[in-house]
Protein backbone atom coordinates (compact mmCIF):
# COMPACT_ATOMS: atom_id res chain seq x y z
CA MET A 1 0.00 0.00 0.00
CA GLU A 2 1.38 3.38 -1.02
CA PHE A 3 0.21 6.74 0.27
CA THR A 4 0.26 9.83 -1.91
CA PRO A 5 0.79 13.24 -0.29
CA ALA A 6 -2.83 14.15 -1.03
CA GLY A 7 -4.01 10.86 0.44
CA ILE A 8 -2.07 11.49 3.65
CA VAL A 9 -3.53 14.99 4.00
CA LEU A 10 -7.05 13.70 3.43
CA ALA A 11 -6.55 10.86 5.93
CA VAL A 12 -5.27 13.26 8.59
CA ALA A 13 -8.19 15.61 7.93
CA ALA A 14 -10.71 12.75 8.12
CA LEU A 15 -9.34 11.49 11.44
CA PHE A 16 -9.12 15.04 12.79
CA THR A 17 -12.82 15.41 11.98
CA LEU A 18 -13.50 12.09 13.69
CA TRP A 19 -11.85 13.22 16.95
CA CYS A 20 -13.79 16.49 16.84
CA ALA A 21 -17.03 14.57 16.28
CA LEU A 22 -16.24 12.27 19.21
CA TYR A 23 -15.75 15.33 21.40
CA VAL A 24 -19.15 16.67 20.36
CA LEU A 25 -20.79 13.30 21.07
CA THR A 26 -19.05 13.11 24.44
CA SER A 27 -20.28 16.61 25.26
CA LEU A 28 -23.85 15.61 24.43
CA ALA A 29 -23.62 12.39 26.44
CA PHE A 30 -21.89 13.93 29.48
CA PRO A 31 -22.83 17.63 29.58
CA ASP A 32 -21.91 17.98 33.26
CA THR A 33 -18.34 16.82 32.71
CA PRO A 34 -15.82 19.70 32.41
CA LYS A 35 -14.61 20.49 28.89
CA ALA A 36 -11.07 19.50 29.83
CA GLY A 37 -12.31 16.10 31.00
CA ARG A 38 -14.21 15.47 27.77
CA ASN A 39 -11.17 16.47 25.75
CA ARG A 40 -8.95 14.19 27.81
CA PHE A 41 -11.29 11.27 27.09
CA VAL A 42 -10.99 11.79 23.31
CA VAL A 43 -7.22 12.27 23.51
CA THR A 44 -6.90 9.06 25.54
CA LEU A 45 -8.76 7.15 22.82
CA ASN A 46 -6.29 8.48 20.26
CA ILE A 47 -3.35 7.52 22.48
CA ILE A 48 -4.67 4.00 23.01
CA ALA A 49 -5.14 3.67 19.24
CA THR A 50 -1.56 4.85 18.69
CA LEU A 51 -0.19 2.35 21.22
CA GLY A 52 -2.20 -0.45 19.61
CA LEU A 53 -0.91 0.50 16.16
CA ALA A 54 2.65 0.52 17.51
CA VAL A 55 2.23 -3.10 18.60
CA TRP A 56 0.73 -3.84 15.16
CA CYS A 57 3.88 -2.29 13.64
CA GLU A 58 5.96 -4.63 15.83
CA PHE A 59 7.94 -1.69 17.17
CA TYR A 60 9.59 -4.01 19.71
CA LYS A 61 11.59 -5.55 16.87
CA THR A 62 12.98 -2.15 15.96
CA ASP A 63 16.24 -0.62 17.11
CA PRO A 64 16.21 3.11 16.28
CA CYS A 65 19.98 2.99 15.88
CA ASP A 66 20.11 0.12 13.38
CA ASN A 67 18.90 1.90 10.25
CA PRO A 68 17.80 5.45 11.07
CA GLY A 69 16.18 7.42 8.29
CA ALA A 70 14.96 4.31 6.48
CA GLU A 71 11.84 4.41 4.32
CA SER A 72 8.57 4.11 6.25
CA ASN A 73 6.29 1.17 5.54
CA ALA A 74 2.48 1.29 5.23
CA LYS A 75 1.79 0.28 8.83
CA GLU A 76 4.09 2.97 10.17
CA THR A 77 2.48 5.56 7.91
CA ILE A 78 -0.98 4.67 9.22
CA LEU A 79 0.23 5.11 12.80
CA LEU A 80 1.85 8.46 11.99
CA ILE A 81 -1.38 9.67 10.36
CA ASN A 82 -3.39 8.67 13.44
CA ALA A 83 -0.93 10.27 15.86
CA LEU A 84 -0.73 13.50 13.85
CA SER A 85 -4.52 13.81 13.67
CA GLY A 86 -4.75 13.37 17.44
CA MET A 87 -2.07 15.95 18.18
CA LEU A 88 -3.68 18.47 15.81
CA TYR A 89 -7.06 17.89 17.43
CA ASP A 90 -5.68 18.36 20.94
CA LEU A 91 -3.77 21.51 20.01
CA PHE A 92 -6.83 22.91 18.19
CA HIS A 93 -9.10 22.15 21.15
CA CYS A 94 -6.70 23.57 23.73
CA CYS A 95 -6.13 26.79 21.76
CA CYS A 96 -9.70 27.42 20.59
CA ILE A 97 -11.65 26.24 23.63
CA GLY A 98 -9.32 27.96 26.04
CA HIS A 99 -7.64 25.10 27.87
CA LEU A 100 -4.08 25.57 26.75
CA GLU A 101 -2.50 24.96 30.16
CA ASN A 102 0.83 26.68 29.58
CA LEU A 103 3.57 27.41 27.09
CA ARG A 104 5.18 24.02 27.75
CA GLN A 105 2.15 22.18 26.40
CA PHE A 106 2.03 24.35 23.28
CA VAL A 107 5.73 23.80 22.59
CA HIS A 108 5.40 20.06 23.25
CA HIS A 109 2.49 19.67 20.81
CA SER A 110 4.23 21.80 18.18
CA LEU A 111 7.40 19.69 18.36
CA VAL A 112 5.46 16.44 18.07
CA ILE A 113 3.51 17.80 15.10
CA MET A 114 6.77 18.91 13.46
CA MET A 115 8.32 15.46 13.90
CA LEU A 116 5.25 13.59 12.65
CA SER A 117 4.74 15.94 9.69
CA THR A 118 8.39 15.61 8.67
CA ALA A 119 8.26 11.81 8.84
CA LEU A 120 5.11 11.78 6.70
CA ALA A 121 6.35 14.38 4.23
CA THR A 122 9.69 12.63 3.65
CA GLY A 123 8.31 9.09 3.89
CA ARG A 124 11.25 8.18 6.13
CA SER A 125 12.15 7.51 9.77
CA GLY A 126 8.78 5.88 10.43
CA SER A 127 10.24 2.98 12.40
CA GLU A 128 12.14 5.11 14.89
CA VAL A 129 9.31 7.63 15.27
CA VAL A 130 6.92 4.76 16.07
CA TYR A 131 9.49 3.56 18.60
CA PHE A 132 9.69 7.03 20.18
CA LEU A 133 5.93 7.45 20.29
CA PHE A 134 5.29 4.17 22.06
CA PHE A 135 7.66 4.92 24.91
CA ALA A 136 6.52 8.56 25.08
CA PHE A 137 2.80 7.63 25.12
CA ILE A 138 2.83 4.50 27.29
CA THR A 139 2.30 6.41 30.55
CA LEU A 140 -0.29 8.86 29.20
CA PRO A 141 -3.36 6.65 29.82
CA MET A 142 -2.30 6.56 33.47
CA ASN A 143 -2.18 10.35 33.45
CA SER A 144 -5.76 10.41 32.22
CA LEU A 145 -6.81 7.87 34.85
CA LEU A 146 -5.25 10.02 37.58
CA ARG A 147 -7.11 13.10 36.32
CA PHE A 148 -10.36 11.14 36.33
CA MET A 149 -9.73 10.01 39.91
CA ARG A 150 -8.87 13.56 41.01
CA TYR A 151 -12.12 14.78 39.46
CA HIS A 152 -13.98 12.26 41.63
CA ASP A 153 -11.99 13.21 44.77
CA MET A 154 -10.16 9.89 44.99
CA THR A 155 -6.69 11.28 45.68
CA GLU A 156 -6.58 9.58 49.09
CA HIS A 157 -7.65 6.21 47.71
CA ILE A 158 -5.02 3.46 47.63
CA ALA A 159 -5.71 2.86 43.91
CA TYR A 160 -4.78 6.48 43.15
CA LYS A 161 -1.49 6.15 45.02
CA ILE A 162 -0.64 2.88 43.27
CA VAL A 163 -1.29 4.34 39.81
CA ASP A 164 0.62 7.53 40.68
CA VAL A 165 3.69 5.64 41.91
CA THR A 166 3.60 3.19 38.99
CA ARG A 167 3.44 6.02 36.49
CA ALA A 168 6.32 7.91 38.13
CA VAL A 169 8.58 4.84 38.32
CA LEU A 170 7.80 3.75 34.75
CA PHE A 171 8.22 7.25 33.37
CA LEU A 172 11.60 7.68 35.09
CA PHE A 173 12.82 4.24 34.03
CA LEU A 174 11.91 4.76 30.38
CA ARG A 175 13.43 8.23 30.23
CA VAL A 176 16.67 7.11 31.83
CA SER A 177 17.04 3.83 29.92
CA VAL A 178 15.40 4.21 26.51
CA GLY A 179 15.90 7.97 26.44
CA ALA A 180 19.61 7.78 27.23
CA TYR A 181 20.12 5.05 24.63
CA VAL A 182 18.40 7.04 21.92
CA ALA A 183 20.24 10.21 22.87
CA TYR A 184 23.57 8.39 22.71
CA CYS A 185 23.28 6.63 19.35
CA TYR A 186 20.43 8.24 17.38
CA ILE A 187 20.36 11.95 17.97
CA PRO A 188 23.97 12.63 16.82
CA ASN A 189 23.37 10.58 13.65
CA PRO A 190 23.30 12.91 10.60
CA VAL A 191 21.13 10.58 8.47
CA PRO A 192 17.65 11.29 9.96
CA HIS A 193 16.08 14.63 9.08
CA ILE A 194 17.05 17.47 11.41
CA LEU A 195 13.35 18.22 12.07
CA ILE A 196 13.04 14.74 13.55
CA ARG A 197 16.26 14.86 15.55
CA ILE A 198 15.44 18.22 17.15
CA PRO A 199 12.16 17.03 18.75
CA ALA A 200 13.81 13.76 19.75
CA THR A 201 16.52 15.72 21.55
CA ALA A 202 14.00 18.00 23.26
CA PHE A 203 11.82 15.09 24.38
CA ASN A 204 14.72 13.25 25.97
CA VAL A 205 16.18 16.24 27.77
CA VAL A 206 12.90 17.77 28.95
CA GLY A 207 11.35 14.37 29.60
CA LEU A 208 14.20 13.33 31.85
CA ILE A 209 13.90 16.55 33.85
CA PHE A 210 10.17 16.07 34.38
CA ALA A 211 10.68 12.38 35.19
CA VAL A 212 13.04 13.31 38.03
CA VAL A 213 10.74 16.11 39.26
CA ASN A 214 7.74 13.79 39.20
CA ALA A 215 9.60 11.01 41.00
CA ARG A 216 10.65 13.44 43.73
CA ARG A 217 7.06 14.65 44.10
CA VAL A 218 5.76 11.11 44.55
CA TYR A 219 8.54 10.33 47.01
CA ARG A 220 7.68 13.37 49.13
CA GLN A 221 4.01 12.40 49.12
CA MET A 222 4.88 8.88 50.25
CA MET A 223 7.03 10.26 53.08
CA GLN A 224 4.24 12.58 54.21
CA THR A 225 1.78 9.67 54.19
CA ASN A 226 4.13 7.59 56.32
CA GLN A 227 4.51 10.42 58.81
CA LYS A 228 0.72 10.73 59.13
CA VAL A 229 0.42 7.00 59.75
CA GLU A 230 3.06 7.13 62.47
């Protein structure tokens, strides 16, 4: 299966419309839920779809340092189209509906969109971008679950603490292990397009910082809980 540039644009537009329609349907079904919560539900569906497509692409058989900049196959292109449509939807919703949390989120979305668009436009680096996306997205459903639990005032529930600790440990482990490996052997490689290497560099550096900050936050919360118990 080959994708033409026009076909890719139409596919992204169609999926973007689908995510917008799902948001409208969610708003009609759950009118009392905050707009941010409805948006998070739609974004989580896109993330789960992206993770499922990554498994379909057999990303686990890929080493981003083996053949960087190689031509993307059809499966990888489908995943990139889905991921790009989701990121465009989320950025559009956050900017237009008024829930753009801060500059960091805007920069993050813009970098991801730049990386995905470059991979689709050049038809290359699909395997390593799929690899990056899986490890970048794997903890995001847990983020959504924590937001849902906070909305329902479950922050003191043991389930909330377990999910919070699991997410922090997994996020830190992936950023230190996978992130360091990619930074060491992929980012300095001149073969992949610069507009893919720049976001990859930013994700690893910023991601590692936030992983450490998040791990420290969870550790402090655990210590405070222990002190209350004593």
